[in-house]
PDB file of N, CA and C in Angstrom:
ATOM      1  N   MET A   1     -19.737  46.504  55.857  1.00  0.00           N
ATOM      2  CA  MET A   1     -19.362  45.504  54.885  1.00  0.00           C
ATOM      3  C   MET A   1     -19.338  46.101  53.481  1.00  0.00           C
ATOM      4  N   LYS A   2     -20.397  46.857  53.131  1.00  0.00           N
ATOM      5  CA  LYS A   2     -20.452  47.468  51.813  1.00  0.00           C
ATOM      6  C   LYS A   2     -19.333  48.486  51.642  1.00  0.00           C
ATOM      7  N   LEU A   3     -19.003  49.198  52.699  1.00  0.00           N
ATOM      8  CA  LEU A   3     -17.945  50.188  52.632  1.00  0.00           C
ATOM      9  C   LEU A   3     -16.596  49.517  52.364  1.00  0.00           C
ATOM     10  N   LYS A   4     -16.334  48.401  53.043  1.00  0.00           N
ATOM     11  CA  LYS A   4     -15.089  47.666  52.818  1.00  0.00           C
ATOM     12  C   LYS A   4     -15.012  47.159  51.389  1.00  0.00           C
ATOM     13  N   LEU A   5     -16.129  46.655  50.868  1.00  0.00           N
ATOM     14  CA  LEU A   5     -16.167  46.157  49.506  1.00  0.00           C
ATOM     15  C   LEU A   5     -15.902  47.288  48.525  1.00  0.00           C
ATOM     16  N   LEU A   6     -16.518  48.429  48.761  1.00  0.00           N
ATOM     17  CA  LEU A   6     -16.317  49.591  47.896  1.00  0.00           C
ATOM     18  C   LEU A   6     -14.863  50.047  47.942  1.00  0.00           C
ATOM     19  N   GLN A   7     -14.264  50.075  49.128  1.00  0.00           N
ATOM     20  CA  GLN A   7     -12.863  50.462  49.251  1.00  0.00           C
ATOM     21  C   GLN A   7     -11.966  49.484  48.502  1.00  0.00           C
ATOM     22  N   SER A   8     -12.285  48.207  48.582  1.00  0.00           N
ATOM     23  CA  SER A   8     -11.491  47.193  47.881  1.00  0.00           C
ATOM     24  C   SER A   8     -11.581  47.372  46.378  1.00  0.00           C
ATOM     25  N   VAL A   9     -12.763  47.664  45.866  1.00  0.00           N
ATOM     26  CA  VAL A   9     -12.952  47.869  44.438  1.00  0.00           C
ATOM     27  C   VAL A   9     -12.175  49.094  43.974  1.00  0.00           C
ATOM     28  N   VAL A  10     -12.248  50.178  44.736  1.00  0.00           N
ATOM     29  CA  VAL A  10     -11.526  51.398  44.379  1.00  0.00           C
ATOM     30  C   VAL A  10     -10.029  51.140  44.379  1.00  0.00           C
ATOM     31  N   LEU A  11      -9.525  50.447  45.396  1.00  0.00           N
ATOM     32  CA  LEU A  11      -8.106  50.135  45.479  1.00  0.00           C
ATOM     33  C   LEU A  11      -7.676  49.254  44.314  1.00  0.00           C
ATOM     34  N   LEU A  12      -8.453  48.245  44.019  1.00  0.00           N
ATOM     35  CA  LEU A  12      -8.135  47.337  42.933  1.00  0.00           C
ATOM     36  C   LEU A  12      -8.137  48.054  41.590  1.00  0.00           C
ATOM     37  N   SER A  13      -9.110  48.916  41.358  1.00  0.00           N
ATOM     38  CA  SER A  13      -9.169  49.629  40.081  1.00  0.00           C
ATOM     39  C   SER A  13      -8.014  50.608  39.935  1.00  0.00           C
ATOM     40  N   SER A  14      -7.517  51.142  41.057  1.00  0.00           N
ATOM     41  CA  SER A  14      -6.371  52.045  40.969  1.00  0.00           C
ATOM     42  C   SER A  14      -5.096  51.296  40.624  1.00  0.00           C
ATOM     43  N   VAL A  15      -5.052  50.005  40.923  1.00  0.00           N
ATOM     44  CA  VAL A  15      -3.888  49.183  40.580  1.00  0.00           C
ATOM     45  C   VAL A  15      -4.011  48.647  39.165  1.00  0.00           C
ATOM     46  N   ILE A  16      -5.178  48.148  38.801  1.00  0.00           N
ATOM     47  CA  ILE A  16      -5.377  47.532  37.492  1.00  0.00           C
ATOM     48  C   ILE A  16      -5.426  48.570  36.380  1.00  0.00           C
ATOM     49  N   GLY A  17      -6.034  49.702  36.612  1.00  0.00           N
ATOM     50  CA  GLY A  17      -6.175  50.731  35.588  1.00  0.00           C
ATOM     51  C   GLY A  17      -4.868  51.119  34.938  1.00  0.00           C
ATOM     52  N   PRO A  18      -3.861  51.534  35.716  1.00  0.00           N
ATOM     53  CA  PRO A  18      -2.590  51.905  35.101  1.00  0.00           C
ATOM     54  C   PRO A  18      -1.920  50.739  34.369  1.00  0.00           C
ATOM     55  N   LEU A  19      -2.070  49.520  34.874  1.00  0.00           N
ATOM     56  CA  LEU A  19      -1.455  48.382  34.200  1.00  0.00           C
ATOM     57  C   LEU A  19      -2.059  48.186  32.820  1.00  0.00           C
ATOM     58  N   ALA A  20      -3.359  48.305  32.712  1.00  0.00           N
ATOM     59  CA  ALA A  20      -4.024  48.129  31.430  1.00  0.00           C
ATOM     60  C   ALA A  20      -3.621  49.229  30.454  1.00  0.00           C
ATOM     61  N   GLU A  21      -3.440  50.453  30.960  1.00  0.00           N
ATOM     62  CA  GLU A  21      -3.064  51.562  30.101  1.00  0.00           C
ATOM     63  C   GLU A  21      -1.626  51.451  29.622  1.00  0.00           C
ATOM     64  N   ASP A  22      -0.757  50.779  30.397  1.00  0.00           N
ATOM     65  CA  ASP A  22       0.645  50.659  30.039  1.00  0.00           C
ATOM     66  C   ASP A  22       0.895  49.621  28.946  1.00  0.00           C
ATOM     67  N   ARG A  23      -0.047  48.759  28.684  1.00  0.00           N
ATOM     68  CA  ARG A  23       0.147  47.741  27.661  1.00  0.00           C
ATOM     69  C   ARG A  23       0.235  48.392  26.297  1.00  0.00           C
ATOM     70  N   ALA A  24       1.287  48.067  25.580  1.00  0.00           N
ATOM     71  CA  ALA A  24       1.472  48.632  24.245  1.00  0.00           C
ATOM     72  C   ALA A  24       0.620  47.861  23.245  1.00  0.00           C
ATOM     73  N   VAL A  25      -0.020  48.588  22.384  1.00  0.00           N
ATOM     74  CA  VAL A  25      -0.781  47.978  21.316  1.00  0.00           C
ATOM     75  C   VAL A  25       0.115  47.948  20.084  1.00  0.00           C
ATOM     76  N   ILE A  26       0.299  46.770  19.532  1.00  0.00           N
ATOM     77  CA  ILE A  26       1.180  46.628  18.378  1.00  0.00           C
ATOM     78  C   ILE A  26       0.331  46.727  17.114  1.00  0.00           C
ATOM     79  N   ALA A  27       0.710  47.673  16.261  1.00  0.00           N
ATOM     80  CA  ALA A  27       0.016  47.850  14.996  1.00  0.00           C
ATOM     81  C   ALA A  27       0.659  46.908  13.978  1.00  0.00           C
ATOM     82  N   ALA A  28       0.086  45.740  13.837  1.00  0.00           N
ATOM     83  CA  ALA A  28       0.635  44.747  12.921  1.00  0.00           C
ATOM     84  C   ALA A  28       0.307  45.137  11.489  1.00  0.00           C
ATOM     85  N   ASN A  29       1.335  45.154  10.647  1.00  0.00           N
ATOM     86  CA  ASN A  29       1.096  45.505   9.259  1.00  0.00           C
ATOM     87  C   ASN A  29       1.736  44.521   8.277  1.00  0.00           C
ATOM     88  N   ALA A  30       2.268  43.417   8.771  1.00  0.00           N
ATOM     89  CA  ALA A  30       2.847  42.406   7.891  1.00  0.00           C
ATOM     90  C   ALA A  30       2.699  41.028   8.529  1.00  0.00           C
ATOM     91  N   THR A  31       2.532  40.044   7.678  1.00  0.00           N
ATOM     92  CA  THR A  31       2.496  38.652   8.117  1.00  0.00           C
ATOM     93  C   THR A  31       3.384  37.854   7.182  1.00  0.00           C
ATOM     94  N   ASN A  32       4.284  37.069   7.764  1.00  0.00           N
ATOM     95  CA  ASN A  32       5.162  36.218   6.967  1.00  0.00           C
ATOM     96  C   ASN A  32       5.097  34.789   7.474  1.00  0.00           C
ATOM     97  N   GLN A  33       5.363  33.874   6.569  1.00  0.00           N
ATOM     98  CA  GLN A  33       5.410  32.460   6.916  1.00  0.00           C
ATOM     99  C   GLN A  33       6.841  31.964   6.741  1.00  0.00           C
ATOM    100  N   PHE A  34       7.249  31.123   7.665  1.00  0.00           N
ATOM    101  CA  PHE A  34       8.580  30.535   7.624  1.00  0.00           C
ATOM    102  C   PHE A  34       8.462  29.019   7.703  1.00  0.00           C
ATOM    103  N   THR A  35       9.242  28.315   6.904  1.00  0.00           N
ATOM    104  CA  THR A  35       9.382  26.879   7.052  1.00  0.00           C
ATOM    105  C   THR A  35      10.494  26.661   8.063  1.00  0.00           C
ATOM    106  N   ILE A  36      10.218  25.909   9.115  1.00  0.00           N
ATOM    107  CA  ILE A  36      11.158  25.728  10.224  1.00  0.00           C
ATOM    108  C   ILE A  36      11.795  24.342  10.156  1.00  0.00           C
ATOM    109  N   SER A  37      13.109  24.303  10.282  1.00  0.00           N
ATOM    110  CA  SER A  37      13.843  23.036  10.345  1.00  0.00           C
ATOM    111  C   SER A  37      14.414  22.875  11.745  1.00  0.00           C
ATOM    112  N   GLY A  38      14.495  21.631  12.191  1.00  0.00           N
ATOM    113  CA  GLY A  38      15.099  21.346  13.482  1.00  0.00           C
ATOM    114  C   GLY A  38      14.122  21.060  14.600  1.00  0.00           C
ATOM    115  N   MET A  39      12.816  21.150  14.313  1.00  0.00           N
ATOM    116  CA  MET A  39      11.825  20.829  15.344  1.00  0.00           C
ATOM    117  C   MET A  39      11.633  19.323  15.406  1.00  0.00           C
ATOM    118  N   HIS A  40      11.483  18.785  16.627  1.00  0.00           N
ATOM    119  CA  HIS A  40      11.318  17.356  16.816  1.00  0.00           C
ATOM    120  C   HIS A  40       9.981  16.985  17.447  1.00  0.00           C
ATOM    121  N   CYS A  41       9.242  17.997  17.962  1.00  0.00           N
ATOM    122  CA  CYS A  41       7.993  17.692  18.665  1.00  0.00           C
ATOM    123  C   CYS A  41       7.146  18.959  18.806  1.00  0.00           C
ATOM    124  N   ASP A  42       5.951  18.787  19.363  1.00  0.00           N
ATOM    125  CA  ASP A  42       5.069  19.931  19.603  1.00  0.00           C
ATOM    126  C   ASP A  42       5.668  20.884  20.641  1.00  0.00           C
ATOM    127  N   GLY A  43       6.481  20.344  21.539  1.00  0.00           N
ATOM    128  CA  GLY A  43       7.143  21.196  22.533  1.00  0.00           C
ATOM    129  C   GLY A  43       8.090  22.183  21.879  1.00  0.00           C
ATOM    130  N   CYS A  44       8.779  21.734  20.842  1.00  0.00           N
ATOM    131  CA  CYS A  44       9.659  22.635  20.083  1.00  0.00           C
ATOM    132  C   CYS A  44       8.839  23.774  19.475  1.00  0.00           C
ATOM    133  N   ALA A  45       7.710  23.428  18.900  1.00  0.00           N
ATOM    134  CA  ALA A  45       6.847  24.432  18.283  1.00  0.00           C
ATOM    135  C   ALA A  45       6.327  25.423  19.319  1.00  0.00           C
ATOM    136  N   GLY A  46       5.950  24.911  20.482  1.00  0.00           N
ATOM    137  CA  GLY A  46       5.462  25.784  21.549  1.00  0.00           C
ATOM    138  C   GLY A  46       6.547  26.713  22.062  1.00  0.00           C
ATOM    139  N   GLY A  47       7.749  26.184  22.200  1.00  0.00           N
ATOM    140  CA  GLY A  47       8.867  27.007  22.654  1.00  0.00           C
ATOM    141  C   GLY A  47       9.220  28.093  21.656  1.00  0.00           C
ATOM    142  N   LEU A  48       9.226  27.746  20.381  1.00  0.00           N
ATOM    143  CA  LEU A  48       9.529  28.735  19.349  1.00  0.00           C
ATOM    144  C   LEU A  48       8.436  29.794  19.273  1.00  0.00           C
ATOM    145  N   THR A  49       7.184  29.376  19.419  1.00  0.00           N
ATOM    146  CA  THR A  49       6.082  30.341  19.448  1.00  0.00           C
ATOM    147  C   THR A  49       6.305  31.355  20.568  1.00  0.00           C
ATOM    148  N   ALA A  50       6.644  30.865  21.744  1.00  0.00           N
ATOM    149  CA  ALA A  50       6.877  31.751  22.893  1.00  0.00           C
ATOM    150  C   ALA A  50       8.045  32.696  22.632  1.00  0.00           C
ATOM    151  N   GLU A  51       9.120  32.181  22.046  1.00  0.00           N
ATOM    152  CA  GLU A  51      10.287  33.020  21.755  1.00  0.00           C
ATOM    153  C   GLU A  51       9.954  34.112  20.747  1.00  0.00           C
ATOM    154  N   LEU A  52       9.209  33.774  19.726  1.00  0.00           N
ATOM    155  CA  LEU A  52       8.844  34.769  18.717  1.00  0.00           C
ATOM    156  C   LEU A  52       7.948  35.859  19.298  1.00  0.00           C
ATOM    157  N   LYS A  53       7.075  35.481  20.212  1.00  0.00           N
ATOM    158  CA  LYS A  53       6.188  36.474  20.836  1.00  0.00           C
ATOM    159  C   LYS A  53       6.950  37.454  21.717  1.00  0.00           C
ATOM    160  N   LEU A  54       8.164  37.086  22.132  1.00  0.00           N
ATOM    161  CA  LEU A  54       8.976  37.977  22.955  1.00  0.00           C
ATOM    162  C   LEU A  54       9.711  39.042  22.139  1.00  0.00           C
ATOM    163  N   VAL A  55       9.771  38.870  20.837  1.00  0.00           N
ATOM    164  CA  VAL A  55      10.455  39.840  19.981  1.00  0.00           C
ATOM    165  C   VAL A  55       9.637  41.126  19.946  1.00  0.00           C
ATOM    166  N   PRO A  56      10.245  42.264  20.318  1.00  0.00           N
ATOM    167  CA  PRO A  56       9.505  43.530  20.296  1.00  0.00           C
ATOM    168  C   PRO A  56       8.962  43.830  18.896  1.00  0.00           C
ATOM    169  N   GLY A  57       7.668  44.079  18.822  1.00  0.00           N
ATOM    170  CA  GLY A  57       7.028  44.378  17.548  1.00  0.00           C
ATOM    171  C   GLY A  57       6.227  43.220  16.988  1.00  0.00           C
ATOM    172  N   VAL A  58       6.377  42.028  17.552  1.00  0.00           N
ATOM    173  CA  VAL A  58       5.600  40.878  17.084  1.00  0.00           C
ATOM    174  C   VAL A  58       4.225  40.926  17.736  1.00  0.00           C
ATOM    175  N   ALA A  59       3.192  40.937  16.908  1.00  0.00           N
ATOM    176  CA  ALA A  59       1.818  40.974  17.410  1.00  0.00           C
ATOM    177  C   ALA A  59       1.314  39.572  17.707  1.00  0.00           C
ATOM    178  N   SER A  60       1.673  38.616  16.850  1.00  0.00           N
ATOM    179  CA  SER A  60       1.262  37.231  17.084  1.00  0.00           C
ATOM    180  C   SER A  60       2.221  36.294  16.369  1.00  0.00           C
ATOM    181  N   ALA A  61       2.304  35.100  16.902  1.00  0.00           N
ATOM    182  CA  ALA A  61       3.134  34.059  16.294  1.00  0.00           C
ATOM    183  C   ALA A  61       2.473  32.721  16.553  1.00  0.00           C
ATOM    184  N   GLN A  62       2.487  31.878  15.543  1.00  0.00           N
ATOM    185  CA  GLN A  62       1.935  30.535  15.681  1.00  0.00           C
ATOM    186  C   GLN A  62       2.845  29.584  14.924  1.00  0.00           C
ATOM    187  N   VAL A  63       3.360  28.603  15.637  1.00  0.00           N
ATOM    188  CA  VAL A  63       4.250  27.616  15.034  1.00  0.00           C
ATOM    189  C   VAL A  63       3.599  26.249  15.180  1.00  0.00           C
ATOM    190  N   THR A  64       3.551  25.495  14.087  1.00  0.00           N
ATOM    191  CA  THR A  64       2.985  24.154  14.135  1.00  0.00           C
ATOM    192  C   THR A  64       4.046  23.132  13.740  1.00  0.00           C
ATOM    193  N   PHE A  65       4.139  22.093  14.556  1.00  0.00           N
ATOM    194  CA  PHE A  65       5.119  21.043  14.316  1.00  0.00           C
ATOM    195  C   PHE A  65       4.720  20.186  13.119  1.00  0.00           C
ATOM    196  N   SER A  66       3.442  19.893  12.982  1.00  0.00           N
ATOM    197  CA  SER A  66       2.986  18.967  11.948  1.00  0.00           C
ATOM    198  C   SER A  66       3.331  19.422  10.529  1.00  0.00           C
ATOM    199  N   ASN A  67       3.270  20.728  10.273  1.00  0.00           N
ATOM    200  CA  ASN A  67       3.616  21.206   8.935  1.00  0.00           C
ATOM    201  C   ASN A  67       4.893  22.041   8.917  1.00  0.00           C
ATOM    202  N   LYS A  68       5.595  22.093  10.075  1.00  0.00           N
ATOM    203  CA  LYS A  68       6.889  22.797  10.169  1.00  0.00           C
ATOM    204  C   LYS A  68       6.781  24.252   9.705  1.00  0.00           C
ATOM    205  N   LEU A  69       5.703  24.904  10.123  1.00  0.00           N
ATOM    206  CA  LEU A  69       5.424  26.254   9.644  1.00  0.00           C
ATOM    207  C   LEU A  69       5.260  27.233  10.804  1.00  0.00           C
ATOM    208  N   ALA A  70       5.855  28.404  10.640  1.00  0.00           N
ATOM    209  CA  ALA A  70       5.661  29.507  11.590  1.00  0.00           C
ATOM    210  C   ALA A  70       4.979  30.646  10.840  1.00  0.00           C
ATOM    211  N   VAL A  71       3.932  31.181  11.429  1.00  0.00           N
ATOM    212  CA  VAL A  71       3.233  32.341  10.874  1.00  0.00           C
ATOM    213  C   VAL A  71       3.374  33.468  11.889  1.00  0.00           C
ATOM    214  N   VAL A  72       4.006  34.565  11.456  1.00  0.00           N
ATOM    215  CA  VAL A  72       4.306  35.668  12.359  1.00  0.00           C
ATOM    216  C   VAL A  72       3.704  36.953  11.806  1.00  0.00           C
ATOM    217  N   THR A  73       2.934  37.640  12.638  1.00  0.00           N
ATOM    218  CA  THR A  73       2.360  38.931  12.299  1.00  0.00           C
ATOM    219  C   THR A  73       3.083  39.972  13.138  1.00  0.00           C
ATOM    220  N   TYR A  74       3.536  41.057  12.502  1.00  0.00           N
ATOM    221  CA  TYR A  74       4.404  41.998  13.200  1.00  0.00           C
ATOM    222  C   TYR A  74       4.321  43.400  12.615  1.00  0.00           C
ATOM    223  N   ASP A  75       4.885  44.333  13.340  1.00  0.00           N
ATOM    224  CA  ASP A  75       4.968  45.739  12.935  1.00  0.00           C
ATOM    225  C   ASP A  75       6.322  45.950  12.265  1.00  0.00           C
ATOM    226  N   THR A  76       6.320  46.282  10.990  1.00  0.00           N
ATOM    227  CA  THR A  76       7.570  46.449  10.238  1.00  0.00           C
ATOM    228  C   THR A  76       8.375  47.671  10.693  1.00  0.00           C
ATOM    229  N   ASN A  77       7.767  48.548  11.462  1.00  0.00           N
ATOM    230  CA  ASN A  77       8.507  49.685  12.003  1.00  0.00           C
ATOM    231  C   ASN A  77       9.338  49.290  13.222  1.00  0.00           C
ATOM    232  N   LYS A  78       9.040  48.117  13.811  1.00  0.00           N
ATOM    233  CA  LYS A  78       9.724  47.708  15.033  1.00  0.00           C
ATOM    234  C   LYS A  78      10.562  46.451  14.870  1.00  0.00           C
ATOM    235  N   VAL A  79      10.267  45.639  13.875  1.00  0.00           N
ATOM    236  CA  VAL A  79      10.997  44.384  13.700  1.00  0.00           C
ATOM    237  C   VAL A  79      11.183  44.107  12.208  1.00  0.00           C
ATOM    238  N   THR A  80      12.319  43.514  11.879  1.00  0.00           N
ATOM    239  CA  THR A  80      12.621  43.186  10.492  1.00  0.00           C
ATOM    240  C   THR A  80      12.634  41.672  10.312  1.00  0.00           C
ATOM    241  N   MET A  81      12.662  41.254   9.066  1.00  0.00           N
ATOM    242  CA  MET A  81      12.771  39.819   8.768  1.00  0.00           C
ATOM    243  C   MET A  81      14.080  39.277   9.333  1.00  0.00           C
ATOM    244  N   ALA A  82      15.134  40.078   9.275  1.00  0.00           N
ATOM    245  CA  ALA A  82      16.428  39.640   9.806  1.00  0.00           C
ATOM    246  C   ALA A  82      16.336  39.379  11.312  1.00  0.00           C
ATOM    247  N   LYS A  83      15.616  40.227  12.037  1.00  0.00           N
ATOM    248  CA  LYS A  83      15.440  40.023  13.480  1.00  0.00           C
ATOM    249  C   LYS A  83      14.622  38.770  13.767  1.00  0.00           C
ATOM    250  N   LEU A  84      13.611  38.522  12.947  1.00  0.00           N
ATOM    251  CA  LEU A  84      12.806  37.320  13.132  1.00  0.00           C
ATOM    252  C   LEU A  84      13.648  36.074  12.868  1.00  0.00           C
ATOM    253  N   ASN A  85      14.429  36.106  11.796  1.00  0.00           N
ATOM    254  CA  ASN A  85      15.320  34.981  11.494  1.00  0.00           C
ATOM    255  C   ASN A  85      16.339  34.778  12.608  1.00  0.00           C
ATOM    256  N   ALA A  86      16.862  35.873  13.158  1.00  0.00           N
ATOM    257  CA  ALA A  86      17.827  35.776  14.257  1.00  0.00           C
ATOM    258  C   ALA A  86      17.185  35.158  15.501  1.00  0.00           C
ATOM    259  N   ALA A  87      15.948  35.523  15.791  1.00  0.00           N
ATOM    260  CA  ALA A  87      15.242  34.964  16.950  1.00  0.00           C
ATOM    261  C   ALA A  87      15.007  33.467  16.760  1.00  0.00           C
ATOM    262  N   ILE A  88      14.681  33.061  15.556  1.00  0.00           N
ATOM    263  CA  ILE A  88      14.467  31.641  15.262  1.00  0.00           C
ATOM    264  C   ILE A  88      15.782  30.877  15.411  1.00  0.00           C
ATOM    265  N   LYS A  89      16.845  31.457  14.883  1.00  0.00           N
ATOM    266  CA  LYS A  89      18.163  30.821  14.987  1.00  0.00           C
ATOM    267  C   LYS A  89      18.618  30.734  16.444  1.00  0.00           C
ATOM    268  N   GLU A  90      18.396  31.801  17.197  1.00  0.00           N
ATOM    269  CA  GLU A  90      18.773  31.831  18.609  1.00  0.00           C
ATOM    270  C   GLU A  90      18.007  30.781  19.414  1.00  0.00           C
ATOM    271  N   ALA A  91      16.793  30.455  18.968  1.00  0.00           N
ATOM    272  CA  ALA A  91      15.997  29.433  19.646  1.00  0.00           C
ATOM    273  C   ALA A  91      16.453  28.021  19.260  1.00  0.00           C
ATOM    274  N   GLY A  92      17.383  27.928  18.306  1.00  0.00           N
ATOM    275  CA  GLY A  92      17.945  26.634  17.937  1.00  0.00           C
ATOM    276  C   GLY A  92      17.385  26.013  16.675  1.00  0.00           C
ATOM    277  N   PHE A  93      16.731  26.810  15.858  1.00  0.00           N
ATOM    278  CA  PHE A  93      16.114  26.294  14.644  1.00  0.00           C
ATOM    279  C   PHE A  93      16.604  27.096  13.427  1.00  0.00           C
ATOM    280  N   THR A  94      16.310  26.602  12.244  1.00  0.00           N
ATOM    281  CA  THR A  94      16.618  27.356  11.026  1.00  0.00           C
ATOM    282  C   THR A  94      15.301  27.629  10.314  1.00  0.00           C
ATOM    283  N   ALA A  95      15.280  28.721   9.568  1.00  0.00           N
ATOM    284  CA  ALA A  95      14.055  29.126   8.888  1.00  0.00           C
ATOM    285  C   ALA A  95      14.343  29.550   7.459  1.00  0.00           C
ATOM    286  N   THR A  96      13.414  29.253   6.598  1.00  0.00           N
ATOM    287  CA  THR A  96      13.421  29.788   5.258  1.00  0.00           C
ATOM    288  C   THR A  96      12.055  30.415   5.047  1.00  0.00           C
ATOM    289  N   THR A  97      12.011  31.489   4.298  1.00  0.00           N
ATOM    290  CA  THR A  97      10.743  32.157   4.051  1.00  0.00           C
ATOM    291  C   THR A  97       9.885  31.255   3.176  1.00  0.00           C
ATOM    292  N   ALA A  98       8.688  30.998   3.641  1.00  0.00           N
ATOM    293  CA  ALA A  98       7.744  30.140   2.902  1.00  0.00           C
ATOM    294  C   ALA A  98       6.914  30.997   1.965  1.00  0.00           C
ATOM    295  N   LYS A  99       6.618  30.455   0.839  1.00  0.00           N
ATOM    296  CA  LYS A  99       5.763  31.171  -0.105  1.00  0.00           C
ATOM    297  C   LYS A  99       4.318  30.801   0.187  1.00  0.00           C
ATOM    298  N   PRO A 100       3.468  31.824   0.340  1.00  0.00           N
ATOM    299  CA  PRO A 100       2.070  31.554   0.683  1.00  0.00           C
ATOM    300  C   PRO A 100       1.317  30.786  -0.392  1.00  0.00           C
TER     301      PRO A 100
END
C-alpha cells in the first residue's frame, strides 16, 4: 500500500512539476485606470475582466460595474495602452483613460 502511494506521489509530481515551471511570471511595471462605457451589469464587468486577463502581458485586471472603472496592471514590454483599448473595444465596450 505504501509503495503504491509513493509511486502515485512520484508520478503526480512528475506531471505537476513541469506545469508549474512552464507558467510565465509577468513582471508588471504599470497600472492604468480606464472609465468603461457600455456596461449594463456585473456580468459585463466580469466578462471584461476575463477578456483583459487574456491579453498577453496583463498581470491583473479588475473591472467594477458600480463605478464603471477598470484597473489593469501590465508589463509595458509586452502590452501597450493601444492593445488594452483594442481588447476593451473588441469585448464590446469603450474606454477612456481615467485620471487617478
